[in-house]
Structures are given as C-alpha cells and as structure tokens.
C-alpha cells in the first residue's frame, strides 16, 4: 500500500500444488472507496 507500481518476483501454488515463480507486475487501483491491486503474472 505504501509502494509504487512495480514488477517483483513472487511464487504461487499452481494446480496440483506445484510452486511456480512469476515475474509479477502489481499496481494499485481504486474502485468506489476501496483500494484494489492488479496482479499480472507476466513470465515464469
């Protein structure tokens, strides 16, 4: 919440419980009165 939009490396549990690392672009967006975050998993 205190960081700018950026691309970071994160790991997620894919189907079958397999852990996969992704270059993840995250940016904040506001709908209504609440802040939201858009996660885009651009590359493994």
ModelCIF file with pLDDT and N, C-alpha, C, O atoms, coordinates in Angstrom:
data_MODEL
#
_entry.id   MODEL 
#
_entity.id                         1 
_entity.type                       polymer 
_entity.pdbx_number_of_molecules   1 
#
_entity_poly.entity_id                      1 
_entity_poly.type                           'polypeptide(L)' 
_entity_poly.nstd_linkage                   no 
_entity_poly.nstd_monomer                   no 
_entity_poly.pdbx_seq_one_letter_code       
;(UNK)(UNK)(UNK)(UNK)(UNK)(UNK)(UNK)(UNK)(UNK)(UNK)(UNK)(UNK)(UNK)(UNK)(UNK)(UNK)
(UNK)(UNK)(UNK)(UNK)(UNK)(UNK)(UNK)(UNK)(UNK)(UNK)(UNK)(UNK)(UNK)(UNK)(UNK)(UNK)
(UNK)(UNK)(UNK)(UNK)(UNK)(UNK)(UNK)(UNK)(UNK)(UNK)(UNK)(UNK)
;
_entity_poly.pdbx_seq_one_letter_code_can   XXXXXXXXXXXXXXXXXXXXXXXXXXXXXXXXXXXXXXXXXXXX 
_entity_poly.pdbx_strand_id                 A 
#
loop_
_entity_poly_seq.entity_id 
_entity_poly_seq.num 
_entity_poly_seq.mon_id 
_entity_poly_seq.hetero 
1 1  UNK n 
1 2  UNK n 
1 3  UNK n 
1 4  UNK n 
1 5  UNK n 
1 6  UNK n 
1 7  UNK n 
1 8  UNK n 
1 9  UNK n 
1 10 UNK n 
1 11 UNK n 
1 12 UNK n 
1 13 UNK n 
1 14 UNK n 
1 15 UNK n 
1 16 UNK n 
1 17 UNK n 
1 18 UNK n 
1 19 UNK n 
1 20 UNK n 
1 21 UNK n 
1 22 UNK n 
1 23 UNK n 
1 24 UNK n 
1 25 UNK n 
1 26 UNK n 
1 27 UNK n 
1 28 UNK n 
1 29 UNK n 
1 30 UNK n 
1 31 UNK n 
1 32 UNK n 
1 33 UNK n 
1 34 UNK n 
1 35 UNK n 
1 36 UNK n 
1 37 UNK n 
1 38 UNK n 
1 39 UNK n 
1 40 UNK n 
1 41 UNK n 
1 42 UNK n 
1 43 UNK n 
1 44 UNK n 
#
_struct_asym.id          A 
_struct_asym.entity_id   1 
#
loop_
_ma_qa_metric.id 
_ma_qa_metric.mode 
_ma_qa_metric.name 
_ma_qa_metric.software_group_id 
_ma_qa_metric.type 
1 global pLDDT . pLDDT 
2 local  pLDDT . pLDDT 
#
_ma_qa_metric_global.metric_id      1 
_ma_qa_metric_global.metric_value   78.11 
_ma_qa_metric_global.model_id       1 
_ma_qa_metric_global.ordinal_id     1 
#
loop_
_ma_qa_metric_local.label_asym_id 
_ma_qa_metric_local.label_comp_id 
_ma_qa_metric_local.label_seq_id 
_ma_qa_metric_local.metric_id 
_ma_qa_metric_local.metric_value 
_ma_qa_metric_local.model_id 
_ma_qa_metric_local.ordinal_id 
A UNK 1  2 63.00 1 1  
A UNK 2  2 56.00 1 2  
A UNK 3  2 58.00 1 3  
A UNK 4  2 62.00 1 4  
A UNK 5  2 71.00 1 5  
A UNK 6  2 77.00 1 6  
A UNK 7  2 80.00 1 7  
A UNK 8  2 83.00 1 8  
A UNK 9  2 86.00 1 9  
A UNK 10 2 90.00 1 10 
A UNK 11 2 90.00 1 11 
A UNK 12 2 91.00 1 12 
A UNK 13 2 87.00 1 13 
A UNK 14 2 82.00 1 14 
A UNK 15 2 76.00 1 15 
A UNK 16 2 72.00 1 16 
A UNK 17 2 75.00 1 17 
A UNK 18 2 82.00 1 18 
A UNK 19 2 85.00 1 19 
A UNK 20 2 86.00 1 20 
A UNK 21 2 86.00 1 21 
A UNK 22 2 86.00 1 22 
A UNK 23 2 84.00 1 23 
A UNK 24 2 86.00 1 24 
A UNK 25 2 84.00 1 25 
A UNK 26 2 87.00 1 26 
A UNK 27 2 82.00 1 27 
A UNK 28 2 78.00 1 28 
A UNK 29 2 70.00 1 29 
A UNK 30 2 65.00 1 30 
A UNK 31 2 62.00 1 31 
A UNK 32 2 55.00 1 32 
A UNK 33 2 63.00 1 33 
A UNK 34 2 72.00 1 34 
A UNK 35 2 78.00 1 35 
A UNK 36 2 83.00 1 36 
A UNK 37 2 87.00 1 37 
A UNK 38 2 86.00 1 38 
A UNK 39 2 89.00 1 39 
A UNK 40 2 87.00 1 40 
A UNK 41 2 87.00 1 41 
A UNK 42 2 78.00 1 42 
A UNK 43 2 74.00 1 43 
A UNK 44 2 76.00 1 44 
#
loop_
_atom_site.group_PDB 
_atom_site.id 
_atom_site.type_symbol 
_atom_site.label_atom_id 
_atom_site.label_alt_id 
_atom_site.label_comp_id 
_atom_site.label_asym_id 
_atom_site.label_entity_id 
_atom_site.label_seq_id 
_atom_site.pdbx_PDB_ins_code 
_atom_site.Cartn_x 
_atom_site.Cartn_y 
_atom_site.Cartn_z 
_atom_site.occupancy 
_atom_site.B_iso_or_equiv 
_atom_site.pdbx_formal_charge 
_atom_site.auth_seq_id 
_atom_site.auth_comp_id 
_atom_site.auth_asym_id 
_atom_site.auth_atom_id 
_atom_site.pdbx_PDB_model_num 
ATOM 1   N N  . UNK A 1 1  ? 0.823   -1.210  0.000   1.00 63.00 ? 1  UNK A N  1 
ATOM 2   C CA . UNK A 1 1  ? 0.000   0.000   0.000   1.00 63.00 ? 1  UNK A CA 1 
ATOM 3   C C  . UNK A 1 1  ? 0.853   1.255   0.000   1.00 63.00 ? 1  UNK A C  1 
ATOM 4   O O  . UNK A 1 1  ? 0.412   2.321   -0.428  1.00 63.00 ? 1  UNK A O  1 
ATOM 5   N N  . UNK A 1 2  ? 2.082   1.117   0.485   1.00 56.00 ? 2  UNK A N  1 
ATOM 6   C CA . UNK A 1 2  ? 2.951   2.292   0.555   1.00 56.00 ? 2  UNK A CA 1 
ATOM 7   C C  . UNK A 1 2  ? 3.999   2.285   -0.558  1.00 56.00 ? 2  UNK A C  1 
ATOM 8   O O  . UNK A 1 2  ? 4.908   3.114   -0.565  1.00 56.00 ? 2  UNK A O  1 
ATOM 9   N N  . UNK A 1 3  ? 3.867   1.340   -1.502  1.00 58.00 ? 3  UNK A N  1 
ATOM 10  C CA . UNK A 1 3  ? 4.870   1.198   -2.558  1.00 58.00 ? 3  UNK A CA 1 
ATOM 11  C C  . UNK A 1 3  ? 4.279   1.593   -3.904  1.00 58.00 ? 3  UNK A C  1 
ATOM 12  O O  . UNK A 1 3  ? 3.067   1.506   -4.103  1.00 58.00 ? 3  UNK A O  1 
ATOM 13  N N  . UNK A 1 4  ? 5.140   2.031   -4.839  1.00 62.00 ? 4  UNK A N  1 
ATOM 14  C CA . UNK A 1 4  ? 4.653   2.359   -6.177  1.00 62.00 ? 4  UNK A CA 1 
ATOM 15  C C  . UNK A 1 4  ? 4.415   1.089   -6.979  1.00 62.00 ? 4  UNK A C  1 
ATOM 16  O O  . UNK A 1 4  ? 4.762   -0.007  -6.538  1.00 62.00 ? 4  UNK A O  1 
ATOM 17  N N  . UNK A 1 5  ? 3.827   1.238   -8.152  1.00 71.00 ? 5  UNK A N  1 
ATOM 18  C CA . UNK A 1 5  ? 3.655   0.105   -9.048  1.00 71.00 ? 5  UNK A CA 1 
ATOM 19  C C  . UNK A 1 5  ? 5.029   -0.383  -9.477  1.00 71.00 ? 5  UNK A C  1 
ATOM 20  O O  . UNK A 1 5  ? 5.923   0.416   -9.754  1.00 71.00 ? 5  UNK A O  1 
ATOM 21  N N  . UNK A 1 6  ? 5.190   -1.709  -9.530  1.00 77.00 ? 6  UNK A N  1 
ATOM 22  C CA . UNK A 1 6  ? 6.499   -2.268  -9.889  1.00 77.00 ? 6  UNK A CA 1 
ATOM 23  C C  . UNK A 1 6  ? 6.334   -3.729  -10.256 1.00 77.00 ? 6  UNK A C  1 
ATOM 24  O O  . UNK A 1 6  ? 5.276   -4.325  -10.057 1.00 77.00 ? 6  UNK A O  1 
ATOM 25  N N  . UNK A 1 7  ? 7.422   -4.303  -10.807 1.00 80.00 ? 7  UNK A N  1 
ATOM 26  C CA . UNK A 1 7  ? 7.454   -5.716  -11.146 1.00 80.00 ? 7  UNK A CA 1 
ATOM 27  C C  . UNK A 1 7  ? 8.377   -6.429  -10.164 1.00 80.00 ? 7  UNK A C  1 
ATOM 28  O O  . UNK A 1 7  ? 9.536   -6.045  -10.003 1.00 80.00 ? 7  UNK A O  1 
ATOM 29  N N  . UNK A 1 8  ? 7.857   -7.478  -9.501  1.00 83.00 ? 8  UNK A N  1 
ATOM 30  C CA . UNK A 1 8  ? 8.612   -8.212  -8.490  1.00 83.00 ? 8  UNK A CA 1 
ATOM 31  C C  . UNK A 1 8  ? 8.523   -9.699  -8.789  1.00 83.00 ? 8  UNK A C  1 
ATOM 32  O O  . UNK A 1 8  ? 7.714   -10.133 -9.610  1.00 83.00 ? 8  UNK A O  1 
ATOM 33  N N  . UNK A 1 9  ? 9.359   -10.470 -8.119  1.00 86.00 ? 9  UNK A N  1 
ATOM 34  C CA . UNK A 1 9  ? 9.354   -11.921 -8.267  1.00 86.00 ? 9  UNK A CA 1 
ATOM 35  C C  . UNK A 1 9  ? 8.584   -12.532 -7.105  1.00 86.00 ? 9  UNK A C  1 
ATOM 36  O O  . UNK A 1 9  ? 8.943   -12.338 -5.943  1.00 86.00 ? 9  UNK A O  1 
ATOM 37  N N  . UNK A 1 10 ? 7.506   -13.283 -7.426  1.00 90.00 ? 10 UNK A N  1 
ATOM 38  C CA . UNK A 1 10 ? 6.675   -13.922 -6.408  1.00 90.00 ? 10 UNK A CA 1 
ATOM 39  C C  . UNK A 1 10 ? 6.451   -15.375 -6.781  1.00 90.00 ? 10 UNK A C  1 
ATOM 40  O O  . UNK A 1 10 ? 6.557   -15.752 -7.948  1.00 90.00 ? 10 UNK A O  1 
ATOM 41  N N  . UNK A 1 11 ? 6.136   -16.196 -5.772  1.00 90.00 ? 11 UNK A N  1 
ATOM 42  C CA . UNK A 1 11 ? 5.848   -17.597 -6.001  1.00 90.00 ? 11 UNK A CA 1 
ATOM 43  C C  . UNK A 1 11 ? 4.390   -17.893 -5.635  1.00 90.00 ? 11 UNK A C  1 
ATOM 44  O O  . UNK A 1 11 ? 3.876   -17.415 -4.623  1.00 90.00 ? 11 UNK A O  1 
ATOM 45  N N  . UNK A 1 12 ? 3.740   -18.692 -6.485  1.00 91.00 ? 12 UNK A N  1 
ATOM 46  C CA . UNK A 1 12 ? 2.340   -19.062 -6.271  1.00 91.00 ? 12 UNK A CA 1 
ATOM 47  C C  . UNK A 1 12 ? 2.182   -20.568 -6.406  1.00 91.00 ? 12 UNK A C  1 
ATOM 48  O O  . UNK A 1 12 ? 2.970   -21.234 -7.077  1.00 91.00 ? 12 UNK A O  1 
ATOM 49  N N  . UNK A 1 13 ? 1.151   -21.088 -5.759  1.00 87.00 ? 13 UNK A N  1 
ATOM 50  C CA . UNK A 1 13 ? 0.845   -22.520 -5.831  1.00 87.00 ? 13 UNK A CA 1 
ATOM 51  C C  . UNK A 1 13 ? -0.100  -22.768 -6.994  1.00 87.00 ? 13 UNK A C  1 
ATOM 52  O O  . UNK A 1 13 ? -1.277  -22.415 -6.925  1.00 87.00 ? 13 UNK A O  1 
ATOM 53  N N  . UNK A 1 14 ? 0.400   -23.366 -8.050  1.00 82.00 ? 14 UNK A N  1 
ATOM 54  C CA . UNK A 1 14 ? -0.402  -23.648 -9.232  1.00 82.00 ? 14 UNK A CA 1 
ATOM 55  C C  . UNK A 1 14 ? -1.246  -24.898 -9.014  1.00 82.00 ? 14 UNK A C  1 
ATOM 56  O O  . UNK A 1 14 ? -1.234  -25.480 -7.929  1.00 82.00 ? 14 UNK A O  1 
ATOM 57  N N  . UNK A 1 15 ? -1.992  -25.314 -10.065 1.00 76.00 ? 15 UNK A N  1 
ATOM 58  C CA . UNK A 1 15 ? -2.805  -26.520 -9.973  1.00 76.00 ? 15 UNK A CA 1 
ATOM 59  C C  . UNK A 1 15 ? -1.930  -27.723 -9.628  1.00 76.00 ? 15 UNK A C  1 
ATOM 60  O O  . UNK A 1 15 ? -0.818  -27.860 -10.137 1.00 76.00 ? 15 UNK A O  1 
ATOM 61  N N  . UNK A 1 16 ? -2.439  -28.581 -8.769  1.00 72.00 ? 16 UNK A N  1 
ATOM 62  C CA . UNK A 1 16 ? -1.678  -29.756 -8.352  1.00 72.00 ? 16 UNK A CA 1 
ATOM 63  C C  . UNK A 1 16 ? -0.698  -29.473 -7.240  1.00 72.00 ? 16 UNK A C  1 
ATOM 64  O O  . UNK A 1 16 ? 0.077   -30.348 -6.854  1.00 72.00 ? 16 UNK A O  1 
ATOM 65  N N  . UNK A 1 17 ? -0.725  -28.223 -6.704  1.00 75.00 ? 17 UNK A N  1 
ATOM 66  C CA . UNK A 1 17 ? 0.155   -27.887 -5.588  1.00 75.00 ? 17 UNK A CA 1 
ATOM 67  C C  . UNK A 1 17 ? 1.569   -27.574 -5.989  1.00 75.00 ? 17 UNK A C  1 
ATOM 68  O O  . UNK A 1 17 ? 2.437   -27.471 -5.122  1.00 75.00 ? 17 UNK A O  1 
ATOM 69  N N  . UNK A 1 18 ? 1.842   -27.418 -7.274  1.00 82.00 ? 18 UNK A N  1 
ATOM 70  C CA . UNK A 1 18 ? 3.192   -27.124 -7.749  1.00 82.00 ? 18 UNK A CA 1 
ATOM 71  C C  . UNK A 1 18 ? 3.489   -25.644 -7.537  1.00 82.00 ? 18 UNK A C  1 
ATOM 72  O O  . UNK A 1 18 ? 2.686   -24.793 -7.919  1.00 82.00 ? 18 UNK A O  1 
ATOM 73  N N  . UNK A 1 19 ? 4.620   -25.330 -6.940  1.00 85.00 ? 19 UNK A N  1 
ATOM 74  C CA . UNK A 1 19 ? 5.014   -23.945 -6.719  1.00 85.00 ? 19 UNK A CA 1 
ATOM 75  C C  . UNK A 1 19 ? 5.721   -23.417 -7.963  1.00 85.00 ? 19 UNK A C  1 
ATOM 76  O O  . UNK A 1 19 ? 6.685   -24.011 -8.446  1.00 85.00 ? 19 UNK A O  1 
ATOM 77  N N  . UNK A 1 20 ? 5.218   -22.279 -8.475  1.00 86.00 ? 20 UNK A N  1 
ATOM 78  C CA . UNK A 1 20 ? 5.785   -21.678 -9.682  1.00 86.00 ? 20 UNK A CA 1 
ATOM 79  C C  . UNK A 1 20 ? 6.126   -20.227 -9.399  1.00 86.00 ? 20 UNK A C  1 
ATOM 80  O O  . UNK A 1 20 ? 5.332   -19.497 -8.806  1.00 86.00 ? 20 UNK A O  1 
ATOM 81  N N  . UNK A 1 21 ? 7.316   -19.809 -9.827  1.00 86.00 ? 21 UNK A N  1 
ATOM 82  C CA . UNK A 1 21 ? 7.722   -18.418 -9.662  1.00 86.00 ? 21 UNK A CA 1 
ATOM 83  C C  . UNK A 1 21 ? 7.316   -17.593 -10.869 1.00 86.00 ? 21 UNK A C  1 
ATOM 84  O O  . UNK A 1 21 ? 7.422   -18.054 -12.005 1.00 86.00 ? 21 UNK A O  1 
ATOM 85  N N  . UNK A 1 22 ? 6.845   -16.354 -10.624 1.00 86.00 ? 22 UNK A N  1 
ATOM 86  C CA . UNK A 1 22 ? 6.416   -15.474 -11.700 1.00 86.00 ? 22 UNK A CA 1 
ATOM 87  C C  . UNK A 1 22 ? 7.019   -14.083 -11.508 1.00 86.00 ? 22 UNK A C  1 
ATOM 88  O O  . UNK A 1 22 ? 7.135   -13.587 -10.388 1.00 86.00 ? 22 UNK A O  1 
ATOM 89  N N  . UNK A 1 23 ? 7.403   -13.461 -12.641 1.00 84.00 ? 23 UNK A N  1 
ATOM 90  C CA . UNK A 1 23 ? 7.628   -12.021 -12.629 1.00 84.00 ? 23 UNK A CA 1 
ATOM 91  C C  . UNK A 1 23 ? 6.248   -11.375 -12.593 1.00 84.00 ? 23 UNK A C  1 
ATOM 92  O O  . UNK A 1 23 ? 5.478   -11.490 -13.546 1.00 84.00 ? 23 UNK A O  1 
ATOM 93  N N  . UNK A 1 24 ? 5.942   -10.701 -11.498 1.00 86.00 ? 24 UNK A N  1 
ATOM 94  C CA . UNK A 1 24 ? 4.586   -10.212 -11.253 1.00 86.00 ? 24 UNK A CA 1 
ATOM 95  C C  . UNK A 1 24 ? 4.564   -8.693  -11.240 1.00 86.00 ? 24 UNK A C  1 
ATOM 96  O O  . UNK A 1 24 ? 5.237   -8.055  -10.431 1.00 86.00 ? 24 UNK A O  1 
ATOM 97  N N  . UNK A 1 25 ? 3.768   -8.115  -12.163 1.00 84.00 ? 25 UNK A N  1 
ATOM 98  C CA . UNK A 1 25 ? 3.605   -6.658  -12.172 1.00 84.00 ? 25 UNK A CA 1 
ATOM 99  C C  . UNK A 1 25 ? 2.383   -6.318  -11.330 1.00 84.00 ? 25 UNK A C  1 
ATOM 100 O O  . UNK A 1 25 ? 1.294   -6.843  -11.562 1.00 84.00 ? 25 UNK A O  1 
ATOM 101 N N  . UNK A 1 26 ? 2.570   -5.432  -10.348 1.00 87.00 ? 26 UNK A N  1 
ATOM 102 C CA . UNK A 1 26 ? 1.491   -5.066  -9.419  1.00 87.00 ? 26 UNK A CA 1 
ATOM 103 C C  . UNK A 1 26 ? 1.295   -3.556  -9.458  1.00 87.00 ? 26 UNK A C  1 
ATOM 104 O O  . UNK A 1 26 ? 2.255   -2.790  -9.371  1.00 87.00 ? 26 UNK A O  1 
ATOM 105 N N  . UNK A 1 27 ? 0.058   -3.146  -9.588  1.00 82.00 ? 27 UNK A N  1 
ATOM 106 C CA . UNK A 1 27 ? -0.261  -1.711  -9.494  1.00 82.00 ? 27 UNK A CA 1 
ATOM 107 C C  . UNK A 1 27 ? -1.554  -1.557  -8.714  1.00 82.00 ? 27 UNK A C  1 
ATOM 108 O O  . UNK A 1 27 ? -2.387  -2.462  -8.689  1.00 82.00 ? 27 UNK A O  1 
ATOM 109 N N  . UNK A 1 28 ? -1.712  -0.424  -8.088  1.00 78.00 ? 28 UNK A N  1 
ATOM 110 C CA . UNK A 1 28 ? -2.919  -0.167  -7.290  1.00 78.00 ? 28 UNK A CA 1 
ATOM 111 C C  . UNK A 1 28 ? -3.970  0.518   -8.143  1.00 78.00 ? 28 UNK A C  1 
ATOM 112 O O  . UNK A 1 28 ? -3.652  1.244   -9.085  1.00 78.00 ? 28 UNK A O  1 
ATOM 113 N N  . UNK A 1 29 ? -5.231  0.276   -7.796  1.00 70.00 ? 29 UNK A N  1 
ATOM 114 C CA . UNK A 1 29 ? -6.361  0.900   -8.486  1.00 70.00 ? 29 UNK A CA 1 
ATOM 115 C C  . UNK A 1 29 ? -7.463  1.117   -7.466  1.00 70.00 ? 29 UNK A C  1 
ATOM 116 O O  . UNK A 1 29 ? -7.542  0.392   -6.474  1.00 70.00 ? 29 UNK A O  1 
ATOM 117 N N  . UNK A 1 30 ? -8.310  2.100   -7.696  1.00 65.00 ? 30 UNK A N  1 
ATOM 118 C CA . UNK A 1 30 ? -9.376  2.425   -6.753  1.00 65.00 ? 30 UNK A CA 1 
ATOM 119 C C  . UNK A 1 30 ? -10.732 2.222   -7.399  1.00 65.00 ? 30 UNK A C  1 
ATOM 120 O O  . UNK A 1 30 ? -11.022 2.803   -8.445  1.00 65.00 ? 30 UNK A O  1 
ATOM 121 N N  . UNK A 1 31 ? -11.563 1.397   -6.778  1.00 62.00 ? 31 UNK A N  1 
ATOM 122 C CA . UNK A 1 31 ? -12.964 1.231   -7.183  1.00 62.00 ? 31 UNK A CA 1 
ATOM 123 C C  . UNK A 1 31 ? -13.827 1.616   -5.996  1.00 62.00 ? 31 UNK A C  1 
ATOM 124 O O  . UNK A 1 31 ? -13.656 1.090   -4.897  1.00 62.00 ? 31 UNK A O  1 
ATOM 125 N N  . UNK A 1 32 ? -14.768 2.550   -6.224  1.00 55.00 ? 32 UNK A N  1 
ATOM 126 C CA . UNK A 1 32 ? -15.576 3.032   -5.107  1.00 55.00 ? 32 UNK A CA 1 
ATOM 127 C C  . UNK A 1 32 ? -14.688 3.745   -4.108  1.00 55.00 ? 32 UNK A C  1 
ATOM 128 O O  . UNK A 1 32 ? -13.932 4.645   -4.473  1.00 55.00 ? 32 UNK A O  1 
ATOM 129 N N  . UNK A 1 33 ? -14.777 3.347   -2.857  1.00 63.00 ? 33 UNK A N  1 
ATOM 130 C CA . UNK A 1 33 ? -13.987 3.970   -1.795  1.00 63.00 ? 33 UNK A CA 1 
ATOM 131 C C  . UNK A 1 33 ? -12.821 3.086   -1.358  1.00 63.00 ? 33 UNK A C  1 
ATOM 132 O O  . UNK A 1 33 ? -12.125 3.419   -0.399  1.00 63.00 ? 33 UNK A O  1 
ATOM 133 N N  . UNK A 1 34 ? -12.596 1.960   -2.049  1.00 72.00 ? 34 UNK A N  1 
ATOM 134 C CA . UNK A 1 34 ? -11.611 0.993   -1.576  1.00 72.00 ? 34 UNK A CA 1 
ATOM 135 C C  . UNK A 1 34 ? -10.478 0.826   -2.578  1.00 72.00 ? 34 UNK A C  1 
ATOM 136 O O  . UNK A 1 34 ? -10.687 0.859   -3.791  1.00 72.00 ? 34 UNK A O  1 
ATOM 137 N N  . UNK A 1 35 ? -9.272  0.646   -2.042  1.00 78.00 ? 35 UNK A N  1 
ATOM 138 C CA . UNK A 1 35 ? -8.116  0.403   -2.901  1.00 78.00 ? 35 UNK A CA 1 
ATOM 139 C C  . UNK A 1 35 ? -8.065  -1.067  -3.276  1.00 78.00 ? 35 UNK A C  1 
ATOM 140 O O  . UNK A 1 35 ? -8.347  -1.942  -2.458  1.00 78.00 ? 35 UNK A O  1 
ATOM 141 N N  . UNK A 1 36 ? -7.697  -1.327  -4.543  1.00 83.00 ? 36 UNK A N  1 
ATOM 142 C CA . UNK A 1 36 ? -7.510  -2.681  -5.031  1.00 83.00 ? 36 UNK A CA 1 
ATOM 143 C C  . UNK A 1 36 ? -6.135  -2.782  -5.685  1.00 83.00 ? 36 UNK A C  1 
ATOM 144 O O  . UNK A 1 36 ? -5.494  -1.769  -5.965  1.00 83.00 ? 36 UNK A O  1 
ATOM 145 N N  . UNK A 1 37 ? -5.690  -4.013  -5.924  1.00 87.00 ? 37 UNK A N  1 
ATOM 146 C CA . UNK A 1 37 ? -4.386  -4.263  -6.538  1.00 87.00 ? 37 UNK A CA 1 
ATOM 147 C C  . UNK A 1 37 ? -4.563  -5.196  -7.725  1.00 87.00 ? 37 UNK A C  1 
ATOM 148 O O  . UNK A 1 37 ? -5.225  -6.229  -7.630  1.00 87.00 ? 37 UNK A O  1 
ATOM 149 N N  . UNK A 1 38 ? -3.961  -4.814  -8.841  1.00 86.00 ? 38 UNK A N  1 
ATOM 150 C CA . UNK A 1 38 ? -3.995  -5.644  -10.037 1.00 86.00 ? 38 UNK A CA 1 
ATOM 151 C C  . UNK A 1 38 ? -2.684  -6.436  -10.107 1.00 86.00 ? 38 UNK A C  1 
ATOM 152 O O  . UNK A 1 38 ? -1.604  -5.852  -10.188 1.00 86.00 ? 38 UNK A O  1 
ATOM 153 N N  . UNK A 1 39 ? -2.786  -7.767  -10.074 1.00 89.00 ? 39 UNK A N  1 
ATOM 154 C CA . UNK A 1 39 ? -1.640  -8.670  -10.200 1.00 89.00 ? 39 UNK A CA 1 
ATOM 155 C C  . UNK A 1 39 ? -1.603  -9.210  -11.625 1.00 89.00 ? 39 UNK A C  1 
ATOM 156 O O  . UNK A 1 39 ? -2.583  -9.786  -12.097 1.00 89.00 ? 39 UNK A O  1 
ATOM 157 N N  . UNK A 1 40 ? -0.476  -9.025  -12.312 1.00 87.00 ? 40 UNK A N  1 
ATOM 158 C CA . UNK A 1 40 ? -0.286  -9.592  -13.641 1.00 87.00 ? 40 UNK A CA 1 
ATOM 159 C C  . UNK A 1 40 ? 0.973   -10.463 -13.623 1.00 87.00 ? 40 UNK A C  1 
ATOM 160 O O  . UNK A 1 40 ? 2.080   -9.971  -13.405 1.00 87.00 ? 40 UNK A O  1 
ATOM 161 N N  . UNK A 1 41 ? 0.783   -11.761 -13.856 1.00 87.00 ? 41 UNK A N  1 
ATOM 162 C CA . UNK A 1 41 ? 1.871   -12.719 -13.813 1.00 87.00 ? 41 UNK A CA 1 
ATOM 163 C C  . UNK A 1 41 ? 2.446   -12.833 -15.221 1.00 87.00 ? 41 UNK A C  1 
ATOM 164 O O  . UNK A 1 41 ? 1.976   -13.632 -16.031 1.00 87.00 ? 41 UNK A O  1 
ATOM 165 N N  . UNK A 1 42 ? 3.487   -12.013 -15.508 1.00 78.00 ? 42 UNK A N  1 
ATOM 166 C CA . UNK A 1 42 ? 3.934   -11.799 -16.881 1.00 78.00 ? 42 UNK A CA 1 
ATOM 167 C C  . UNK A 1 42 ? 4.836   -12.903 -17.414 1.00 78.00 ? 42 UNK A C  1 
ATOM 168 O O  . UNK A 1 42 ? 4.787   -13.187 -18.611 1.00 78.00 ? 42 UNK A O  1 
ATOM 169 N N  . UNK A 1 43 ? 5.652   -13.534 -16.589 1.00 74.00 ? 43 UNK A N  1 
ATOM 170 C CA . UNK A 1 43 ? 6.561   -14.575 -17.075 1.00 74.00 ? 43 UNK A CA 1 
ATOM 171 C C  . UNK A 1 43 ? 7.003   -15.441 -15.914 1.00 74.00 ? 43 UNK A C  1 
ATOM 172 O O  . UNK A 1 43 ? 7.152   -14.965 -14.788 1.00 74.00 ? 43 UNK A O  1 
ATOM 173 N N  . UNK A 1 44 ? 7.215   -16.738 -16.202 1.00 76.00 ? 44 UNK A N  1 
ATOM 174 C CA . UNK A 1 44 ? 7.697   -17.646 -15.171 1.00 76.00 ? 44 UNK A CA 1 
ATOM 175 C C  . UNK A 1 44 ? 9.191   -17.410 -14.947 1.00 76.00 ? 44 UNK A C  1 
ATOM 176 O O  . UNK A 1 44 ? 9.803   -18.076 -14.112 1.00 76.00 ? 44 UNK A O  1 
#
